[in-house]
N, C-alpha and C. Protein backbone atom coordinates (compact mmCIF):
# COMPACT_ATOMS: atom_id res chain seq x y z
N MET A 1 -205.85 -79.19 42.96
CA MET A 1 -206.31 -80.53 42.85
C MET A 1 -207.65 -80.61 43.65
N SER A 2 -208.61 -81.32 43.05
CA SER A 2 -209.92 -81.45 43.65
C SER A 2 -210.27 -82.92 43.89
N ILE A 3 -210.91 -83.18 44.98
CA ILE A 3 -211.34 -84.57 45.27
C ILE A 3 -212.56 -84.91 44.44
N VAL A 4 -213.39 -83.89 44.17
CA VAL A 4 -214.63 -84.02 43.45
C VAL A 4 -214.40 -83.67 41.99
N SER A 5 -215.06 -84.40 41.07
CA SER A 5 -214.87 -84.07 39.63
C SER A 5 -215.55 -82.74 39.34
N ASP A 6 -215.36 -82.26 38.13
CA ASP A 6 -215.92 -81.02 37.70
C ASP A 6 -217.45 -81.05 37.65
N GLU A 7 -218.05 -82.24 37.60
CA GLU A 7 -219.45 -82.37 37.54
C GLU A 7 -220.04 -82.04 38.92
N GLN A 8 -221.22 -81.45 38.96
CA GLN A 8 -221.84 -81.10 40.22
C GLN A 8 -222.39 -82.33 40.89
N VAL A 9 -222.11 -82.56 42.18
CA VAL A 9 -222.55 -83.70 42.90
C VAL A 9 -223.66 -83.28 43.83
N ARG A 10 -224.75 -83.96 43.78
CA ARG A 10 -225.85 -83.66 44.70
C ARG A 10 -226.17 -84.88 45.49
N ILE A 11 -226.15 -84.67 46.81
CA ILE A 11 -226.46 -85.76 47.77
C ILE A 11 -227.58 -85.29 48.65
N SER A 12 -228.63 -86.06 48.79
CA SER A 12 -229.75 -85.73 49.64
C SER A 12 -229.28 -85.62 51.09
N ALA A 13 -229.90 -84.68 51.86
CA ALA A 13 -229.46 -84.44 53.22
C ALA A 13 -229.59 -85.69 54.09
N GLY A 14 -230.53 -86.55 53.82
CA GLY A 14 -230.76 -87.73 54.64
C GLY A 14 -229.56 -88.75 54.53
N TYR A 15 -228.74 -88.59 53.49
CA TYR A 15 -227.64 -89.46 53.33
C TYR A 15 -226.36 -88.94 54.06
N ILE A 16 -226.46 -87.78 54.71
CA ILE A 16 -225.31 -87.19 55.40
C ILE A 16 -225.62 -87.07 56.89
N LEU A 17 -224.67 -87.53 57.64
CA LEU A 17 -224.71 -87.35 59.08
C LEU A 17 -223.48 -86.64 59.60
N HIS A 18 -223.66 -85.54 60.32
CA HIS A 18 -222.54 -84.81 60.91
C HIS A 18 -222.82 -84.83 62.42
N VAL A 19 -221.84 -85.34 63.18
CA VAL A 19 -221.92 -85.42 64.64
C VAL A 19 -220.76 -84.69 65.19
N SER A 20 -221.00 -83.81 66.16
CA SER A 20 -219.91 -83.10 66.86
C SER A 20 -219.90 -83.59 68.26
N PHE A 21 -218.86 -84.24 68.66
CA PHE A 21 -218.73 -84.83 70.02
C PHE A 21 -218.32 -83.80 71.05
N ASP A 22 -218.23 -82.52 70.71
CA ASP A 22 -217.98 -81.58 71.77
C ASP A 22 -219.35 -81.16 72.35
N ASN A 23 -220.42 -81.65 71.90
CA ASN A 23 -221.72 -81.38 72.45
C ASN A 23 -221.90 -82.28 73.72
N SER A 24 -222.31 -81.72 74.83
CA SER A 24 -222.28 -82.45 76.13
C SER A 24 -223.30 -83.66 76.08
N THR A 25 -224.40 -83.51 75.37
CA THR A 25 -225.35 -84.63 75.29
C THR A 25 -224.76 -85.74 74.39
N ILE A 26 -224.17 -85.42 73.30
CA ILE A 26 -223.64 -86.37 72.38
C ILE A 26 -222.47 -87.11 73.02
N LYS A 27 -221.67 -86.43 73.84
CA LYS A 27 -220.53 -87.09 74.52
C LYS A 27 -220.96 -88.35 75.34
N LEU A 28 -222.17 -88.29 75.83
CA LEU A 28 -222.71 -89.43 76.66
C LEU A 28 -223.02 -90.71 75.85
N MET A 29 -223.11 -90.57 74.53
CA MET A 29 -223.44 -91.71 73.67
C MET A 29 -222.20 -92.21 72.91
N ASP A 30 -222.20 -93.48 72.63
CA ASP A 30 -221.14 -94.03 71.84
C ASP A 30 -221.47 -93.99 70.34
N VAL A 31 -220.53 -94.21 69.51
CA VAL A 31 -220.76 -94.12 68.08
C VAL A 31 -221.81 -95.10 67.56
N GLU A 32 -221.84 -96.32 68.12
CA GLU A 32 -222.81 -97.29 67.68
C GLU A 32 -224.23 -96.80 67.99
N ARG A 33 -224.48 -96.22 69.12
CA ARG A 33 -225.81 -95.69 69.44
C ARG A 33 -226.21 -94.54 68.52
N ILE A 34 -225.29 -93.69 68.20
CA ILE A 34 -225.61 -92.53 67.33
C ILE A 34 -225.95 -93.04 65.94
N LEU A 35 -225.18 -94.00 65.40
CA LEU A 35 -225.50 -94.62 64.09
C LEU A 35 -226.84 -95.31 64.08
N SER A 36 -227.12 -95.96 65.20
CA SER A 36 -228.42 -96.71 65.33
C SER A 36 -229.63 -95.68 65.26
N ILE A 37 -229.46 -94.55 65.92
CA ILE A 37 -230.53 -93.54 65.93
C ILE A 37 -230.70 -92.94 64.52
N TYR A 38 -229.55 -92.65 63.91
CA TYR A 38 -229.56 -92.06 62.59
C TYR A 38 -230.24 -93.04 61.59
N GLU A 39 -229.91 -94.27 61.62
CA GLU A 39 -230.47 -95.28 60.69
C GLU A 39 -231.90 -95.56 60.94
N ALA A 40 -232.40 -95.37 62.16
CA ALA A 40 -233.84 -95.51 62.43
C ALA A 40 -234.56 -94.28 61.91
N MET A 41 -233.95 -93.11 61.97
CA MET A 41 -234.59 -91.94 61.42
C MET A 41 -234.57 -91.86 59.87
N TYR A 42 -233.56 -92.37 59.30
CA TYR A 42 -233.32 -92.35 57.87
C TYR A 42 -233.01 -93.76 57.33
N PRO A 43 -234.01 -94.59 57.13
CA PRO A 43 -233.80 -95.95 56.67
C PRO A 43 -233.45 -95.91 55.12
N ILE A 44 -232.22 -95.71 54.83
CA ILE A 44 -231.74 -95.44 53.48
C ILE A 44 -231.01 -96.63 52.90
N VAL A 45 -231.25 -96.88 51.60
CA VAL A 45 -230.48 -97.86 50.92
C VAL A 45 -229.44 -97.14 50.09
N GLY A 46 -228.19 -97.55 50.21
CA GLY A 46 -227.16 -96.86 49.48
C GLY A 46 -226.07 -96.30 50.41
N THR A 47 -225.23 -95.56 49.82
CA THR A 47 -223.99 -94.98 50.52
C THR A 47 -224.45 -93.87 51.41
N ARG A 48 -224.02 -93.92 52.68
CA ARG A 48 -224.22 -92.87 53.66
C ARG A 48 -222.81 -92.12 53.89
N TYR A 49 -222.88 -90.88 54.19
CA TYR A 49 -221.65 -90.09 54.42
C TYR A 49 -221.74 -89.66 55.91
N VAL A 50 -220.74 -90.11 56.72
CA VAL A 50 -220.74 -89.88 58.12
C VAL A 50 -219.50 -89.03 58.48
N PHE A 51 -219.77 -87.87 59.07
CA PHE A 51 -218.68 -86.99 59.52
C PHE A 51 -218.72 -86.92 61.05
N LEU A 52 -217.65 -87.36 61.63
CA LEU A 52 -217.51 -87.38 63.08
C LEU A 52 -216.49 -86.30 63.49
N ASP A 53 -216.96 -85.25 64.09
CA ASP A 53 -216.15 -84.14 64.47
C ASP A 53 -215.77 -84.18 65.96
N LYS A 54 -214.52 -83.86 66.29
CA LYS A 54 -214.07 -83.90 67.70
C LYS A 54 -214.21 -85.30 68.30
N ILE A 55 -213.83 -86.29 67.47
CA ILE A 55 -214.03 -87.67 67.85
C ILE A 55 -213.25 -88.10 69.10
N GLN A 56 -212.21 -87.29 69.40
CA GLN A 56 -211.43 -87.64 70.57
C GLN A 56 -212.16 -87.58 71.87
N TYR A 57 -213.33 -86.93 71.86
CA TYR A 57 -214.16 -86.80 73.07
C TYR A 57 -214.98 -88.07 73.40
N THR A 58 -214.99 -89.07 72.50
CA THR A 58 -215.74 -90.25 72.74
C THR A 58 -214.77 -91.40 73.13
N GLU A 59 -215.22 -92.25 73.97
CA GLU A 59 -214.38 -93.38 74.39
C GLU A 59 -214.28 -94.35 73.25
N ASN A 60 -213.09 -95.04 73.19
CA ASN A 60 -212.82 -96.05 72.25
C ASN A 60 -213.08 -95.67 70.76
N TRP A 61 -212.72 -94.45 70.47
CA TRP A 61 -212.98 -93.94 69.16
C TRP A 61 -212.22 -94.72 68.05
N LYS A 62 -211.01 -95.10 68.38
CA LYS A 62 -210.19 -95.85 67.38
C LYS A 62 -210.82 -97.20 67.08
N LEU A 63 -211.35 -97.85 68.06
CA LEU A 63 -212.04 -99.13 67.82
C LEU A 63 -213.29 -98.91 66.94
N TRP A 64 -214.11 -97.93 67.28
CA TRP A 64 -215.29 -97.63 66.49
C TRP A 64 -215.03 -97.26 65.04
N MET A 65 -213.95 -96.52 64.84
CA MET A 65 -213.52 -96.20 63.45
C MET A 65 -213.20 -97.52 62.68
N LYS A 66 -212.46 -98.37 63.30
CA LYS A 66 -212.06 -99.60 62.69
C LYS A 66 -213.25 -100.48 62.37
N VAL A 67 -214.16 -100.61 63.33
CA VAL A 67 -215.36 -101.40 63.16
C VAL A 67 -216.23 -100.86 62.03
N ILE A 68 -216.42 -99.57 61.95
CA ILE A 68 -217.20 -98.98 60.87
C ILE A 68 -216.49 -99.16 59.53
N TYR A 69 -215.22 -98.88 59.48
CA TYR A 69 -214.45 -98.96 58.22
C TYR A 69 -214.43 -100.43 57.74
N ASP A 70 -214.25 -101.36 58.54
CA ASP A 70 -214.19 -102.80 58.17
C ASP A 70 -215.49 -103.37 57.83
N GLY A 71 -216.53 -103.02 58.62
CA GLY A 71 -217.77 -103.75 58.52
C GLY A 71 -218.93 -103.03 57.81
N ARG A 72 -218.75 -101.77 57.53
CA ARG A 72 -219.89 -101.05 56.95
C ARG A 72 -219.45 -100.43 55.61
N LYS A 73 -219.60 -101.22 54.57
CA LYS A 73 -219.22 -100.76 53.25
C LYS A 73 -220.15 -99.74 52.70
N ASP A 74 -221.30 -99.54 53.33
CA ASP A 74 -222.29 -98.55 52.92
C ASP A 74 -221.99 -97.17 53.54
N ILE A 75 -220.99 -97.05 54.34
CA ILE A 75 -220.67 -95.78 55.06
C ILE A 75 -219.29 -95.30 54.52
N ARG A 76 -219.32 -94.04 54.12
CA ARG A 76 -218.05 -93.30 53.88
C ARG A 76 -217.83 -92.45 55.07
N LEU A 77 -216.66 -92.63 55.68
CA LEU A 77 -216.45 -92.05 57.00
C LEU A 77 -215.33 -91.01 56.98
N VAL A 78 -215.57 -89.87 57.63
CA VAL A 78 -214.58 -88.85 57.85
C VAL A 78 -214.62 -88.51 59.34
N ALA A 79 -213.45 -88.48 59.93
CA ALA A 79 -213.39 -88.13 61.39
C ALA A 79 -212.28 -87.05 61.52
N THR A 80 -212.63 -86.10 62.45
CA THR A 80 -211.66 -85.02 62.77
C THR A 80 -211.53 -84.95 64.24
N GLY A 81 -210.39 -84.40 64.68
CA GLY A 81 -210.18 -84.28 66.11
C GLY A 81 -209.09 -83.24 66.30
N GLU A 82 -208.79 -83.03 67.61
CA GLU A 82 -207.79 -82.10 67.98
C GLU A 82 -206.73 -82.85 68.81
N ASN A 83 -205.53 -82.37 68.79
CA ASN A 83 -204.47 -82.97 69.56
C ASN A 83 -203.72 -81.88 70.28
N PHE A 84 -203.88 -81.82 71.56
CA PHE A 84 -203.18 -80.71 72.35
C PHE A 84 -201.93 -81.34 72.93
N VAL A 85 -200.88 -80.62 72.76
CA VAL A 85 -199.55 -81.09 73.27
C VAL A 85 -199.27 -80.46 74.60
């Protein structure tokens, strides 16, 4: 089963943001600040694809996910993390 159809999908790199929160500099910023910087660098009209990796390293990540999901219909959001028991 495939999420993408058989047609080839091309998305310009400016429409994609990948952030890894295991980077020590990135850990110091919250999700709102990162999105603000990205949007200033790439003032795009249309759907953006945001991938947040190791999201558990940022504070209030659950809140930011909810805010983005509810309020930003122009963003398709994917977040990954680790859970150590």
